[in-house]
Amino acid sequence: MDPSFLFFLSLGAVILVLFVFILFFLLPRLLKNLSGRGGGWSRLAEKFPGPFQPEGAASHRQTIQVGAVAYKNCATMAFTPQGLYLEVKIPFFSRLTPLLIPWESILDLRGGTLYWRKTVTLSIGSPEIGTITVFQDLYEKMRPFIPPDKQRNS
C-alpha cells in the first residue's frame, strides 16, 4: 500500500472521530446551555416568571451571566419597584421565559470580573436558587431599588 494512502486514511479516521465527538458530546451541551437549563435560568423561571415587560427604564443588548452561562449582548433588563426584569432573546432559538425577580429575593452581592470588567453577582433566593452576574454600571442603575442592608459599595 502507498504510504500517502495510509496517511489520508488515518487522517480521515481522526476527523470522523472528532466529528462524532462534537456531534454527540459538545453539541448537546451547547444546546442545553442556550436553552437555559445549563446555567439555572429554568430554575429561576419556575420561581420568578415575568409574563410581560413592566414599566420602567429598560437596558437592551446587555451581557449577563446566569449561573455559568453568559448571554452576551442579548439580554434586556428593566429596573422597576416590583423587581428586576430579565429577558433574553437568542437569534434562531426559542426565547427563554422572562424573569421578574423581586428585590427582596436578592440576598447576597459579591464582586468579581467578567470579560475583564468589574461585575456584581446577585445571589437569588434562600436557599440559593441561582446567581445573576451583571456589570458594575448596570448594578449602579439597579442600586436604588436594592434594600440598603444588601447594597454593595463600589
C-alpha atoms as a PDB file:
ATOM      1  CA  MET A   1       0.000   0.000   0.000  1.00  0.00           C
ATOM      2  CA  ASP A   2       1.053   3.522  -0.720  1.00  0.00           C
ATOM      3  CA  PRO A   3       2.181   5.446   2.435  1.00  0.00           C
ATOM      4  CA  SER A   4       0.242   8.561   1.407  1.00  0.00           C
ATOM      5  CA  PHE A   5      -2.931   6.454   1.146  1.00  0.00           C
ATOM      6  CA  LEU A   6      -2.434   5.213   4.717  1.00  0.00           C
ATOM      7  CA  PHE A   7      -1.777   8.757   5.906  1.00  0.00           C
ATOM      8  CA  PHE A   8      -5.013  10.100   4.396  1.00  0.00           C
ATOM      9  CA  LEU A   9      -6.952   7.054   5.599  1.00  0.00           C
ATOM     10  CA  SER A  10      -5.780   7.630   9.186  1.00  0.00           C
ATOM     11  CA  LEU A  11      -6.396  11.391   8.862  1.00  0.00           C
ATOM     12  CA  GLY A  12      -9.946  10.654   7.709  1.00  0.00           C
ATOM     13  CA  ALA A  13     -10.471   8.333  10.691  1.00  0.00           C
ATOM     14  CA  VAL A  14      -9.279  11.030  13.124  1.00  0.00           C
ATOM     15  CA  ILE A  15     -11.586  13.612  11.524  1.00  0.00           C
ATOM     16  CA  LEU A  16     -14.502  11.177  11.731  1.00  0.00           C
ATOM     17  CA  VAL A  17     -13.838  10.534  15.433  1.00  0.00           C
ATOM     18  CA  LEU A  18     -13.669  14.290  16.113  1.00  0.00           C
ATOM     19  CA  PHE A  19     -16.916  14.858  14.213  1.00  0.00           C
ATOM     20  CA  VAL A  20     -18.703  12.144  16.201  1.00  0.00           C
ATOM     21  CA  PHE A  21     -17.326  13.586  19.447  1.00  0.00           C
ATOM     22  CA  ILE A  22     -18.604  17.059  18.575  1.00  0.00           C
ATOM     23  CA  LEU A  23     -21.958  15.748  17.417  1.00  0.00           C
ATOM     24  CA  PHE A  24     -22.705  13.584  20.455  1.00  0.00           C
ATOM     25  CA  PHE A  25     -20.907  15.410  23.273  1.00  0.00           C
ATOM     26  CA  LEU A  26     -20.330  19.099  22.660  1.00  0.00           C
ATOM     27  CA  LEU A  27     -23.442  19.992  20.626  1.00  0.00           C
ATOM     28  CA  PRO A  28     -25.954  18.722  23.250  1.00  0.00           C
ATOM     29  CA  ARG A  29     -24.102  20.625  25.983  1.00  0.00           C
ATOM     30  CA  LEU A  30     -24.170  23.819  23.932  1.00  0.00           C
ATOM     31  CA  LEU A  31     -27.882  23.463  23.210  1.00  0.00           C
ATOM     32  CA  LYS A  32     -28.565  22.750  26.887  1.00  0.00           C
ATOM     33  CA  ASN A  33     -26.822  25.983  27.886  1.00  0.00           C
ATOM     34  CA  LEU A  34     -28.599  28.036  25.236  1.00  0.00           C
ATOM     35  CA  SER A  35     -31.987  26.701  26.327  1.00  0.00           C
ATOM     36  CA  GLY A  36     -31.416  27.968  29.881  1.00  0.00           C
ATOM     37  CA  ARG A  37     -31.167  24.604  31.610  1.00  0.00           C
ATOM     38  CA  GLY A  38     -27.385  24.745  31.962  1.00  0.00           C
ATOM     39  CA  GLY A  39     -26.998  27.910  33.994  1.00  0.00           C
ATOM     40  CA  GLY A  40     -30.108  27.814  36.115  1.00  0.00           C
ATOM     41  CA  TRP A  41     -32.419  30.060  34.086  1.00  0.00           C
ATOM     42  CA  SER A  42     -35.169  27.419  34.132  1.00  0.00           C
ATOM     43  CA  ARG A  43     -34.978  27.147  37.970  1.00  0.00           C
ATOM     44  CA  LEU A  44     -35.304  30.915  38.243  1.00  0.00           C
ATOM     45  CA  ALA A  45     -38.179  30.918  35.717  1.00  0.00           C
ATOM     46  CA  GLU A  46     -40.117  28.378  37.798  1.00  0.00           C
ATOM     47  CA  LYS A  47     -39.943  30.615  40.857  1.00  0.00           C
ATOM     48  CA  PHE A  48     -39.972  34.097  39.262  1.00  0.00           C
ATOM     49  CA  PRO A  49     -41.804  34.074  35.911  1.00  0.00           C
ATOM     50  CA  GLY A  50     -42.221  37.501  34.323  1.00  0.00           C
ATOM     51  CA  PRO A  51     -45.010  37.277  31.754  1.00  0.00           C
ATOM     52  CA  PHE A  52     -44.634  40.832  30.475  1.00  0.00           C
ATOM     53  CA  GLN A  53     -42.106  43.638  30.487  1.00  0.00           C
ATOM     54  CA  PRO A  54     -43.068  46.016  33.298  1.00  0.00           C
ATOM     55  CA  GLU A  55     -42.919  49.787  33.047  1.00  0.00           C
ATOM     56  CA  GLY A  56     -39.544  51.254  33.761  1.00  0.00           C
ATOM     57  CA  ALA A  57     -36.240  52.144  32.160  1.00  0.00           C
ATOM     58  CA  ALA A  58     -35.040  49.170  30.129  1.00  0.00           C
ATOM     59  CA  SER A  59     -31.458  48.442  29.126  1.00  0.00           C
ATOM     60  CA  HIS A  60     -31.282  46.439  25.904  1.00  0.00           C
ATOM     61  CA  ARG A  61     -28.470  44.320  24.398  1.00  0.00           C
ATOM     62  CA  GLN A  62     -26.775  43.741  27.749  1.00  0.00           C
ATOM     63  CA  THR A  63     -24.364  40.994  28.712  1.00  0.00           C
ATOM     64  CA  ILE A  64     -25.306  38.989  31.802  1.00  0.00           C
ATOM     65  CA  GLN A  65     -24.319  35.665  33.251  1.00  0.00           C
ATOM     66  CA  VAL A  66     -26.843  33.315  34.831  1.00  0.00           C
ATOM     67  CA  GLY A  67     -25.040  30.610  36.743  1.00  0.00           C
ATOM     68  CA  ALA A  68     -22.198  29.540  34.472  1.00  0.00           C
ATOM     69  CA  VAL A  69     -23.861  30.591  31.192  1.00  0.00           C
ATOM     70  CA  ALA A  70     -23.082  34.018  29.744  1.00  0.00           C
ATOM     71  CA  TYR A  71     -25.636  35.701  27.483  1.00  0.00           C
ATOM     72  CA  LYS A  72     -23.599  38.219  25.515  1.00  0.00           C
ATOM     73  CA  ASN A  73     -25.374  41.277  24.076  1.00  0.00           C
ATOM     74  CA  CYS A  74     -28.809  39.620  24.013  1.00  0.00           C
ATOM     75  CA  ALA A  75     -30.380  40.456  27.389  1.00  0.00           C
ATOM     76  CA  THR A  76     -32.942  43.115  28.228  1.00  0.00           C
ATOM     77  CA  MET A  77     -33.089  44.364  31.803  1.00  0.00           C
ATOM     78  CA  ALA A  78     -35.628  46.675  33.414  1.00  0.00           C
ATOM     79  CA  PHE A  79     -35.389  48.054  36.937  1.00  0.00           C
ATOM     80  CA  THR A  80     -38.804  48.631  38.484  1.00  0.00           C
ATOM     81  CA  PRO A  81     -40.214  48.893  42.004  1.00  0.00           C
ATOM     82  CA  GLN A  82     -41.670  45.371  41.519  1.00  0.00           C
ATOM     83  CA  GLY A  83     -38.276  43.842  40.822  1.00  0.00           C
ATOM     84  CA  LEU A  84     -35.539  43.100  38.342  1.00  0.00           C
ATOM     85  CA  TYR A  85     -36.932  42.117  34.923  1.00  0.00           C
ATOM     86  CA  LEU A  86     -34.734  39.952  32.669  1.00  0.00           C
ATOM     87  CA  GLU A  87     -35.417  38.747  29.165  1.00  0.00           C
ATOM     88  CA  VAL A  88     -33.055  37.005  26.747  1.00  0.00           C
ATOM     89  CA  LYS A  89     -33.637  36.677  23.026  1.00  0.00           C
ATOM     90  CA  ILE A  90     -31.160  34.482  21.187  1.00  0.00           C
ATOM     91  CA  PRO A  91     -31.365  34.551  17.378  1.00  0.00           C
ATOM     92  CA  PHE A  92     -32.636  31.290  15.843  1.00  0.00           C
ATOM     93  CA  PHE A  93     -33.604  29.871  19.253  1.00  0.00           C
ATOM     94  CA  SER A  94     -36.850  29.985  21.125  1.00  0.00           C
ATOM     95  CA  ARG A  95     -36.945  32.720  23.671  1.00  0.00           C
ATOM     96  CA  LEU A  96     -36.294  31.963  27.328  1.00  0.00           C
ATOM     97  CA  THR A  97     -39.067  32.628  29.830  1.00  0.00           C
ATOM     98  CA  PRO A  98     -38.707  36.219  31.080  1.00  0.00           C
ATOM     99  CA  LEU A  99     -37.932  36.703  34.770  1.00  0.00           C
ATOM    100  CA  LEU A 100     -39.261  39.223  37.280  1.00  0.00           C
ATOM    101  CA  ILE A 101     -37.218  38.846  40.449  1.00  0.00           C
ATOM    102  CA  PRO A 102     -38.460  40.809  43.497  1.00  0.00           C
ATOM    103  CA  TRP A 103     -35.767  42.922  45.097  1.00  0.00           C
ATOM    104  CA  GLU A 104     -36.330  41.158  48.422  1.00  0.00           C
ATOM    105  CA  SER A 105     -35.188  37.879  46.816  1.00  0.00           C
ATOM    106  CA  ILE A 106     -31.697  39.255  46.172  1.00  0.00           C
ATOM    107  CA  LEU A 107     -29.978  38.117  49.340  1.00  0.00           C
ATOM    108  CA  ASP A 108     -26.249  38.463  48.745  1.00  0.00           C
ATOM    109  CA  LEU A 109     -23.968  40.506  46.496  1.00  0.00           C
ATOM    110  CA  ARG A 110     -20.408  39.567  45.556  1.00  0.00           C
ATOM    111  CA  GLY A 111     -17.843  41.330  43.382  1.00  0.00           C
ATOM    112  CA  GLY A 112     -15.966  39.745  40.519  1.00  0.00           C
ATOM    113  CA  THR A 113     -14.928  40.117  36.900  1.00  0.00           C
ATOM    114  CA  LEU A 114     -16.355  39.013  33.549  1.00  0.00           C
ATOM    115  CA  TYR A 115     -14.619  39.784  30.269  1.00  0.00           C
ATOM    116  CA  TRP A 116     -12.058  41.860  32.226  1.00  0.00           C
ATOM    117  CA  ARG A 117     -14.732  44.196  33.617  1.00  0.00           C
ATOM    118  CA  LYS A 118     -15.923  44.609  37.211  1.00  0.00           C
ATOM    119  CA  THR A 119     -19.124  42.750  37.999  1.00  0.00           C
ATOM    120  CA  VAL A 120     -21.555  42.169  40.821  1.00  0.00           C
ATOM    121  CA  THR A 121     -23.029  38.702  41.326  1.00  0.00           C
ATOM    122  CA  LEU A 122     -26.538  38.630  42.753  1.00  0.00           C
ATOM    123  CA  SER A 123     -27.459  35.586  44.825  1.00  0.00           C
ATOM    124  CA  ILE A 124     -31.160  34.868  44.328  1.00  0.00           C
ATOM    125  CA  GLY A 125     -33.381  33.124  46.889  1.00  0.00           C
ATOM    126  CA  SER A 126     -32.874  31.337  50.151  1.00  0.00           C
ATOM    127  CA  PRO A 127     -31.669  28.672  49.779  1.00  0.00           C
ATOM    128  CA  GLU A 128     -29.896  29.963  46.685  1.00  0.00           C
ATOM    129  CA  ILE A 129     -31.875  29.208  43.516  1.00  0.00           C
ATOM    130  CA  GLY A 130     -29.346  30.782  41.186  1.00  0.00           C
ATOM    131  CA  THR A 131     -26.946  33.634  40.558  1.00  0.00           C
ATOM    132  CA  ILE A 132     -27.025  36.503  38.103  1.00  0.00           C
ATOM    133  CA  THR A 133     -23.857  38.408  37.272  1.00  0.00           C
ATOM    134  CA  VAL A 134     -24.113  41.937  35.875  1.00  0.00           C
ATOM    135  CA  PHE A 135     -21.514  44.553  35.017  1.00  0.00           C
ATOM    136  CA  GLN A 136     -20.826  47.285  37.578  1.00  0.00           C
ATOM    137  CA  ASP A 137     -22.561  50.019  35.516  1.00  0.00           C
ATOM    138  CA  LEU A 138     -25.806  48.008  35.438  1.00  0.00           C
ATOM    139  CA  TYR A 139     -25.542  47.383  39.159  1.00  0.00           C
ATOM    140  CA  GLU A 140     -25.299  51.143  39.702  1.00  0.00           C
ATOM    141  CA  LYS A 141     -28.605  51.570  37.816  1.00  0.00           C
ATOM    142  CA  MET A 142     -30.343  48.969  39.993  1.00  0.00           C
ATOM    143  CA  ARG A 143     -28.757  50.097  43.274  1.00  0.00           C
ATOM    144  CA  PRO A 144     -31.635  52.491  44.245  1.00  0.00           C
ATOM    145  CA  PHE A 145     -34.037  49.525  44.263  1.00  0.00           C
ATOM    146  CA  ILE A 146     -31.925  47.142  46.359  1.00  0.00           C
ATOM    147  CA  PRO A 147     -32.635  47.311  50.115  1.00  0.00           C
ATOM    148  CA  PRO A 148     -29.923  49.381  51.871  1.00  0.00           C
ATOM    149  CA  ASP A 149     -28.754  46.485  54.063  1.00  0.00           C
ATOM    150  CA  LYS A 150     -27.989  44.392  50.948  1.00  0.00           C
ATOM    151  CA  GLN A 151     -26.164  47.046  48.881  1.00  0.00           C
ATOM    152  CA  ARG A 152     -22.557  46.648  47.908  1.00  0.00           C
ATOM    153  CA  ASN A 153     -20.179  49.607  47.860  1.00  0.00           C
ATOM    154  CA  SER A 154     -18.119  50.152  44.705  1.00  0.00           C
END
